[in-house]
Amino acid sequence: MRIIKYFFKTYPITCLLILFIWIMCLGTPPSTPLDNVSLIDKWVHIGMYALLCGSMWFEYLRKHTIVIRAKLIVFAWIVPVAMGGAIELFQAYCTGGRRSGELLDLLADAIGVTIAFIFGILWVRHLSKEKKDFD
């Protein structure tokens, strides 16, 4: 329970984004004029997961003076991609046919996370020149 409280206190934006992503991905999608745009769903997945990973980097760097690379690889890349996979499985098997899990959605999730991860690494390198330690 202490870990959950720590996570919510340390990463409030990330927690809200995780909740938002789960609600959006498991709910019934609204109909919009953008439905006619080719691959709009994939672009939305890329954007949501890039924002999620970016918020993780922002909140991590805001609270920590020493950057632990292994921790960021796990929590800012592997965990979001795994969450995307879990959501796709839930969509396929737990939404009663309203949603279908797609491998391309998972790929879009991974692309969004990777883009934000690369920007995060560049951000850390920039900050390391300003006296941040990089392990």
N, C-alpha and C. Protein backbone atom coordinates (compact mmCIF):
# COMPACT_ATOMS: atom_id res chain seq x y z
N MET A 1 0.82 -1.19 0.00
CA MET A 1 0.00 0.00 0.00
C MET A 1 0.87 1.26 0.00
N ARG A 2 2.01 1.20 0.69
CA ARG A 2 2.92 2.33 0.76
C ARG A 2 3.47 2.68 -0.62
N ILE A 3 3.74 1.65 -1.41
CA ILE A 3 4.28 1.86 -2.76
C ILE A 3 3.25 2.57 -3.63
N ILE A 4 1.99 2.18 -3.53
CA ILE A 4 0.94 2.81 -4.32
C ILE A 4 0.79 4.28 -3.92
N LYS A 5 0.81 4.56 -2.63
CA LYS A 5 0.70 5.93 -2.14
C LYS A 5 1.88 6.77 -2.64
N TYR A 6 3.08 6.18 -2.58
CA TYR A 6 4.29 6.87 -3.07
C TYR A 6 4.15 7.18 -4.56
N PHE A 7 3.68 6.19 -5.35
CA PHE A 7 3.55 6.39 -6.78
C PHE A 7 2.56 7.51 -7.10
N PHE A 8 1.40 7.52 -6.42
CA PHE A 8 0.40 8.56 -6.66
C PHE A 8 0.90 9.94 -6.23
N LYS A 9 1.70 9.99 -5.18
CA LYS A 9 2.23 11.26 -4.70
C LYS A 9 3.36 11.77 -5.61
N THR A 10 4.20 10.87 -6.07
CA THR A 10 5.37 11.25 -6.86
C THR A 10 5.03 11.46 -8.34
N TYR A 11 4.07 10.69 -8.85
CA TYR A 11 3.73 10.74 -10.28
C TYR A 11 2.24 11.01 -10.51
N PRO A 12 1.71 12.13 -10.03
CA PRO A 12 0.26 12.36 -10.15
C PRO A 12 -0.22 12.50 -11.60
N ILE A 13 0.53 13.18 -12.44
CA ILE A 13 0.12 13.37 -13.84
C ILE A 13 0.12 12.02 -14.56
N THR A 14 1.15 11.25 -14.33
CA THR A 14 1.25 9.93 -14.95
C THR A 14 0.08 9.04 -14.52
N CYS A 15 -0.27 9.08 -13.25
CA CYS A 15 -1.40 8.28 -12.76
C CYS A 15 -2.70 8.69 -13.43
N LEU A 16 -2.92 9.99 -13.59
CA LEU A 16 -4.13 10.46 -14.27
C LEU A 16 -4.14 10.03 -15.74
N LEU A 17 -3.00 10.09 -16.38
CA LEU A 17 -2.92 9.66 -17.78
C LEU A 17 -3.17 8.16 -17.92
N ILE A 18 -2.65 7.37 -16.99
CA ILE A 18 -2.90 5.93 -17.02
C ILE A 18 -4.39 5.65 -16.89
N LEU A 19 -5.04 6.32 -15.95
CA LEU A 19 -6.48 6.17 -15.76
C LEU A 19 -7.24 6.59 -17.03
N PHE A 20 -6.87 7.72 -17.60
CA PHE A 20 -7.49 8.22 -18.82
C PHE A 20 -7.34 7.22 -19.97
N ILE A 21 -6.15 6.68 -20.15
CA ILE A 21 -5.90 5.72 -21.24
C ILE A 21 -6.76 4.47 -21.06
N TRP A 22 -6.82 3.94 -19.84
CA TRP A 22 -7.63 2.74 -19.60
C TRP A 22 -9.12 3.02 -19.90
N ILE A 23 -9.61 4.16 -19.45
CA ILE A 23 -11.02 4.50 -19.69
C ILE A 23 -11.28 4.66 -21.18
N MET A 24 -10.41 5.39 -21.88
CA MET A 24 -10.60 5.62 -23.32
C MET A 24 -10.50 4.32 -24.11
N CYS A 25 -9.60 3.46 -23.73
CA CYS A 25 -9.38 2.24 -24.51
C CYS A 25 -10.41 1.14 -24.22
N LEU A 26 -11.01 1.16 -23.06
CA LEU A 26 -11.98 0.11 -22.74
C LEU A 26 -13.43 0.56 -22.91
N GLY A 27 -13.64 1.87 -23.03
CA GLY A 27 -14.98 2.37 -23.26
C GLY A 27 -15.37 2.27 -24.72
N THR A 28 -16.62 2.60 -25.00
CA THR A 28 -17.09 2.61 -26.38
C THR A 28 -16.60 3.89 -27.03
N PRO A 29 -15.90 3.77 -28.16
CA PRO A 29 -15.34 4.98 -28.78
C PRO A 29 -16.45 5.86 -29.36
N PRO A 30 -16.36 7.17 -29.15
CA PRO A 30 -17.36 8.08 -29.73
C PRO A 30 -17.15 8.23 -31.22
N SER A 31 -18.19 8.56 -31.92
CA SER A 31 -18.09 8.81 -33.35
C SER A 31 -17.72 10.27 -33.56
N THR A 32 -16.71 10.52 -34.37
CA THR A 32 -16.26 11.89 -34.63
C THR A 32 -16.04 12.08 -36.13
N PRO A 33 -15.95 13.33 -36.58
CA PRO A 33 -15.65 13.57 -38.00
C PRO A 33 -14.27 13.04 -38.41
N LEU A 34 -13.39 12.83 -37.43
CA LEU A 34 -12.05 12.33 -37.73
C LEU A 34 -12.03 10.84 -38.03
N ASP A 35 -13.17 10.17 -37.88
CA ASP A 35 -13.24 8.74 -38.17
C ASP A 35 -12.86 8.44 -39.61
N ASN A 36 -13.00 9.42 -40.50
CA ASN A 36 -12.68 9.22 -41.91
C ASN A 36 -11.19 9.38 -42.21
N VAL A 37 -10.41 9.87 -41.24
CA VAL A 37 -8.97 10.05 -41.44
C VAL A 37 -8.30 8.68 -41.35
N SER A 38 -7.47 8.40 -42.34
CA SER A 38 -6.79 7.12 -42.40
C SER A 38 -5.87 6.92 -41.19
N LEU A 39 -6.01 5.81 -40.52
CA LEU A 39 -5.19 5.41 -39.37
C LEU A 39 -5.26 6.39 -38.19
N ILE A 40 -6.36 7.13 -38.05
CA ILE A 40 -6.48 8.09 -36.95
C ILE A 40 -6.33 7.40 -35.59
N ASP A 41 -6.87 6.18 -35.49
CA ASP A 41 -6.78 5.44 -34.23
C ASP A 41 -5.32 5.19 -33.85
N LYS A 42 -4.51 4.87 -34.83
CA LYS A 42 -3.09 4.60 -34.56
C LYS A 42 -2.37 5.88 -34.13
N TRP A 43 -2.70 7.01 -34.77
CA TRP A 43 -2.10 8.29 -34.39
C TRP A 43 -2.48 8.67 -32.96
N VAL A 44 -3.72 8.38 -32.59
CA VAL A 44 -4.17 8.65 -31.22
C VAL A 44 -3.39 7.80 -30.24
N HIS A 45 -3.17 6.52 -30.56
CA HIS A 45 -2.38 5.64 -29.69
C HIS A 45 -0.95 6.16 -29.55
N ILE A 46 -0.34 6.56 -30.66
CA ILE A 46 1.02 7.11 -30.60
C ILE A 46 1.05 8.33 -29.69
N GLY A 47 0.10 9.22 -29.86
CA GLY A 47 0.05 10.44 -29.04
C GLY A 47 -0.18 10.16 -27.56
N MET A 48 -1.13 9.27 -27.26
CA MET A 48 -1.42 8.96 -25.85
C MET A 48 -0.21 8.37 -25.15
N TYR A 49 0.46 7.44 -25.80
CA TYR A 49 1.58 6.77 -25.16
C TYR A 49 2.84 7.62 -25.15
N ALA A 50 3.00 8.50 -26.13
CA ALA A 50 4.12 9.45 -26.08
C ALA A 50 3.92 10.42 -24.92
N LEU A 51 2.69 10.87 -24.73
CA LEU A 51 2.39 11.76 -23.62
C LEU A 51 2.58 11.05 -22.28
N LEU A 52 2.15 9.81 -22.20
CA LEU A 52 2.32 9.03 -20.97
C LEU A 52 3.80 8.88 -20.62
N CYS A 53 4.59 8.44 -21.56
CA CYS A 53 6.02 8.23 -21.31
C CYS A 53 6.71 9.57 -21.03
N GLY A 54 6.33 10.60 -21.77
CA GLY A 54 6.91 11.92 -21.53
C GLY A 54 6.61 12.43 -20.13
N SER A 55 5.39 12.18 -19.64
CA SER A 55 5.05 12.62 -18.28
C SER A 55 5.85 11.83 -17.25
N MET A 56 6.09 10.55 -17.54
CA MET A 56 6.91 9.76 -16.62
C MET A 56 8.31 10.35 -16.52
N TRP A 57 8.92 10.68 -17.65
CA TRP A 57 10.25 11.28 -17.64
C TRP A 57 10.22 12.61 -16.89
N PHE A 58 9.25 13.45 -17.18
CA PHE A 58 9.17 14.76 -16.54
C PHE A 58 9.07 14.62 -15.03
N GLU A 59 8.15 13.78 -14.57
CA GLU A 59 7.96 13.64 -13.14
C GLU A 59 9.14 12.95 -12.47
N TYR A 60 9.77 12.02 -13.15
CA TYR A 60 10.95 11.36 -12.59
C TYR A 60 12.08 12.37 -12.42
N LEU A 61 12.35 13.13 -13.46
CA LEU A 61 13.46 14.08 -13.41
C LEU A 61 13.18 15.24 -12.46
N ARG A 62 11.92 15.55 -12.24
CA ARG A 62 11.54 16.61 -11.30
C ARG A 62 11.85 16.19 -9.86
N LYS A 63 11.70 14.90 -9.56
CA LYS A 63 11.85 14.41 -8.18
C LYS A 63 13.20 13.79 -7.86
N HIS A 64 13.99 13.44 -8.88
CA HIS A 64 15.25 12.73 -8.64
C HIS A 64 16.43 13.55 -9.16
N THR A 65 17.52 13.54 -8.41
CA THR A 65 18.72 14.22 -8.87
C THR A 65 19.69 13.25 -9.53
N ILE A 66 19.58 11.98 -9.18
CA ILE A 66 20.40 10.94 -9.81
C ILE A 66 19.48 10.09 -10.68
N VAL A 67 19.85 9.97 -11.94
CA VAL A 67 19.04 9.21 -12.88
C VAL A 67 19.55 7.78 -12.95
N ILE A 68 18.69 6.84 -12.69
CA ILE A 68 19.05 5.42 -12.77
C ILE A 68 18.47 4.88 -14.07
N ARG A 69 19.35 4.62 -15.01
CA ARG A 69 18.95 4.23 -16.36
C ARG A 69 18.07 2.98 -16.36
N ALA A 70 18.43 1.97 -15.60
CA ALA A 70 17.67 0.71 -15.58
C ALA A 70 16.23 0.95 -15.11
N LYS A 71 16.07 1.80 -14.13
CA LYS A 71 14.73 2.11 -13.62
C LYS A 71 13.88 2.77 -14.71
N LEU A 72 14.48 3.69 -15.45
CA LEU A 72 13.75 4.36 -16.52
C LEU A 72 13.42 3.41 -17.67
N ILE A 73 14.33 2.51 -17.98
CA ILE A 73 14.04 1.55 -19.05
C ILE A 73 12.84 0.70 -18.68
N VAL A 74 12.80 0.25 -17.43
CA VAL A 74 11.68 -0.58 -16.98
C VAL A 74 10.39 0.22 -16.88
N PHE A 75 10.41 1.34 -16.16
CA PHE A 75 9.18 2.05 -15.86
C PHE A 75 8.73 3.03 -16.94
N ALA A 76 9.63 3.51 -17.78
CA ALA A 76 9.24 4.47 -18.81
C ALA A 76 9.24 3.86 -20.20
N TRP A 77 9.62 2.59 -20.35
CA TRP A 77 9.50 1.94 -21.66
C TRP A 77 8.78 0.60 -21.54
N ILE A 78 9.30 -0.32 -20.78
CA ILE A 78 8.73 -1.67 -20.71
C ILE A 78 7.33 -1.67 -20.12
N VAL A 79 7.13 -0.98 -19.00
CA VAL A 79 5.81 -0.98 -18.35
C VAL A 79 4.72 -0.36 -19.24
N PRO A 80 4.95 0.82 -19.87
CA PRO A 80 3.90 1.34 -20.74
C PRO A 80 3.58 0.44 -21.95
N VAL A 81 4.60 -0.17 -22.52
CA VAL A 81 4.34 -1.09 -23.64
C VAL A 81 3.57 -2.31 -23.15
N ALA A 82 3.94 -2.83 -21.99
CA ALA A 82 3.20 -3.96 -21.41
C ALA A 82 1.76 -3.57 -21.09
N MET A 83 1.57 -2.35 -20.60
CA MET A 83 0.21 -1.87 -20.33
C MET A 83 -0.59 -1.81 -21.63
N GLY A 84 0.04 -1.36 -22.70
CA GLY A 84 -0.63 -1.34 -24.00
C GLY A 84 -1.03 -2.73 -24.44
N GLY A 85 -0.17 -3.70 -24.21
CA GLY A 85 -0.49 -5.09 -24.53
C GLY A 85 -1.64 -5.61 -23.69
N ALA A 86 -1.63 -5.28 -22.40
CA ALA A 86 -2.71 -5.70 -21.51
C ALA A 86 -4.04 -5.09 -21.94
N ILE A 87 -4.02 -3.83 -22.33
CA ILE A 87 -5.25 -3.19 -22.79
C ILE A 87 -5.77 -3.86 -24.05
N GLU A 88 -4.89 -4.21 -24.96
CA GLU A 88 -5.32 -4.88 -26.19
C GLU A 88 -5.94 -6.25 -25.88
N LEU A 89 -5.37 -6.96 -24.91
CA LEU A 89 -5.96 -8.24 -24.51
C LEU A 89 -7.33 -8.04 -23.86
N PHE A 90 -7.44 -7.02 -22.99
CA PHE A 90 -8.74 -6.71 -22.39
C PHE A 90 -9.76 -6.33 -23.45
N GLN A 91 -9.34 -5.56 -24.44
CA GLN A 91 -10.26 -5.19 -25.51
C GLN A 91 -10.75 -6.42 -26.27
N ALA A 92 -9.85 -7.33 -26.52
CA ALA A 92 -10.20 -8.52 -27.30
C ALA A 92 -11.11 -9.48 -26.53
N TYR A 93 -10.88 -9.61 -25.22
CA TYR A 93 -11.57 -10.66 -24.48
C TYR A 93 -12.56 -10.19 -23.41
N CYS A 94 -12.58 -8.90 -23.08
CA CYS A 94 -13.40 -8.47 -21.94
C CYS A 94 -14.37 -7.33 -22.26
N THR A 95 -14.51 -6.95 -23.50
CA THR A 95 -15.40 -5.83 -23.80
C THR A 95 -16.69 -6.28 -24.49
N GLY A 96 -16.92 -7.54 -24.55
CA GLY A 96 -18.17 -8.06 -25.13
C GLY A 96 -18.34 -7.72 -26.60
N GLY A 97 -17.25 -7.59 -27.33
CA GLY A 97 -17.33 -7.33 -28.75
C GLY A 97 -17.40 -5.86 -29.13
N ARG A 98 -17.48 -4.96 -28.13
CA ARG A 98 -17.51 -3.52 -28.44
C ARG A 98 -16.18 -3.05 -29.00
N ARG A 99 -15.11 -3.63 -28.51
CA ARG A 99 -13.76 -3.26 -28.93
C ARG A 99 -13.03 -4.53 -29.35
N SER A 100 -12.07 -4.38 -30.24
CA SER A 100 -11.26 -5.53 -30.61
C SER A 100 -9.79 -5.16 -30.42
N GLY A 101 -9.05 -6.05 -29.80
CA GLY A 101 -7.62 -5.80 -29.61
C GLY A 101 -6.90 -5.95 -30.94
N GLU A 102 -6.00 -5.02 -31.23
CA GLU A 102 -5.27 -5.05 -32.50
C GLU A 102 -3.77 -4.99 -32.25
N LEU A 103 -3.05 -5.79 -32.98
CA LEU A 103 -1.60 -5.78 -32.89
C LEU A 103 -1.04 -4.44 -33.35
N LEU A 104 -1.69 -3.81 -34.34
CA LEU A 104 -1.22 -2.51 -34.82
C LEU A 104 -1.38 -1.42 -33.76
N ASP A 105 -2.40 -1.55 -32.90
CA ASP A 105 -2.54 -0.61 -31.79
C ASP A 105 -1.37 -0.76 -30.82
N LEU A 106 -0.99 -1.98 -30.53
CA LEU A 106 0.16 -2.23 -29.66
C LEU A 106 1.43 -1.68 -30.28
N LEU A 107 1.59 -1.84 -31.59
CA LEU A 107 2.75 -1.29 -32.28
C LEU A 107 2.75 0.23 -32.19
N ALA A 108 1.58 0.85 -32.35
CA ALA A 108 1.48 2.31 -32.23
C ALA A 108 1.82 2.76 -30.81
N ASP A 109 1.36 1.99 -29.81
CA ASP A 109 1.70 2.29 -28.42
C ASP A 109 3.22 2.28 -28.24
N ALA A 110 3.86 1.24 -28.76
CA ALA A 110 5.31 1.09 -28.62
C ALA A 110 6.05 2.22 -29.35
N ILE A 111 5.53 2.63 -30.49
CA ILE A 111 6.15 3.74 -31.23
C ILE A 111 6.06 5.03 -30.41
N GLY A 112 4.89 5.31 -29.84
CA GLY A 112 4.73 6.51 -29.01
C GLY A 112 5.65 6.51 -27.82
N VAL A 113 5.75 5.37 -27.14
CA VAL A 113 6.62 5.26 -25.97
C VAL A 113 8.08 5.44 -26.39
N THR A 114 8.47 4.84 -27.49
CA THR A 114 9.85 4.93 -27.97
C THR A 114 10.22 6.36 -28.34
N ILE A 115 9.32 7.06 -29.01
CA ILE A 115 9.58 8.47 -29.36
C ILE A 115 9.83 9.29 -28.10
N ALA A 116 8.94 9.16 -27.12
CA ALA A 116 9.10 9.91 -25.87
C ALA A 116 10.36 9.47 -25.13
N PHE A 117 10.67 8.19 -25.18
CA PHE A 117 11.86 7.67 -24.50
C PHE A 117 13.12 8.28 -25.10
N ILE A 118 13.17 8.38 -26.41
CA ILE A 118 14.33 8.98 -27.07
C ILE A 118 14.47 10.44 -26.67
N PHE A 119 13.35 11.17 -26.66
CA PHE A 119 13.40 12.57 -26.22
C PHE A 119 13.82 12.66 -24.75
N GLY A 120 13.38 11.71 -23.94
CA GLY A 120 13.77 11.68 -22.52
C GLY A 120 15.27 11.49 -22.36
N ILE A 121 15.84 10.59 -23.14
CA ILE A 121 17.29 10.36 -23.08
C ILE A 121 18.04 11.63 -23.49
N LEU A 122 17.57 12.28 -24.55
CA LEU A 122 18.21 13.53 -24.98
C LEU A 122 18.07 14.61 -23.92
N TRP A 123 16.93 14.64 -23.26
CA TRP A 123 16.69 15.61 -22.19
C TRP A 123 17.67 15.38 -21.02
N VAL A 124 17.84 14.11 -20.64
CA VAL A 124 18.76 13.78 -19.55
C VAL A 124 20.19 14.16 -19.93
N ARG A 125 20.56 13.90 -21.15
CA ARG A 125 21.92 14.26 -21.58
C ARG A 125 22.13 15.76 -21.53
N HIS A 126 21.09 16.50 -21.91
CA HIS A 126 21.17 17.96 -21.83
C HIS A 126 21.29 18.39 -20.37
N LEU A 127 20.48 17.82 -19.51
CA LEU A 127 20.52 18.18 -18.09
C LEU A 127 21.81 17.73 -17.42
N SER A 128 22.39 16.63 -17.91
CA SER A 128 23.63 16.14 -17.28
C SER A 128 24.77 17.13 -17.47
N LYS A 129 24.69 17.91 -18.50
CA LYS A 129 25.70 18.95 -18.71
C LYS A 129 25.51 20.08 -17.68
N GLU A 130 24.33 20.10 -17.05
CA GLU A 130 24.05 21.09 -16.03
C GLU A 130 24.14 20.48 -14.63
N LYS A 131 25.09 19.58 -14.43
CA LYS A 131 25.40 19.00 -13.12
C LYS A 131 24.48 17.88 -12.66
N LYS A 132 23.74 17.22 -13.51
CA LYS A 132 22.95 16.04 -13.12
C LYS A 132 23.84 14.82 -13.29
N ASP A 133 23.71 13.86 -12.39
CA ASP A 133 24.44 12.60 -12.51
C ASP A 133 23.66 11.66 -13.39
N PHE A 134 24.35 10.93 -14.23
CA PHE A 134 23.71 9.97 -15.12
C PHE A 134 24.38 8.62 -14.92
N ASP A 135 23.65 7.64 -14.31
CA ASP A 135 24.19 6.30 -14.09
C ASP A 135 23.95 5.42 -15.27
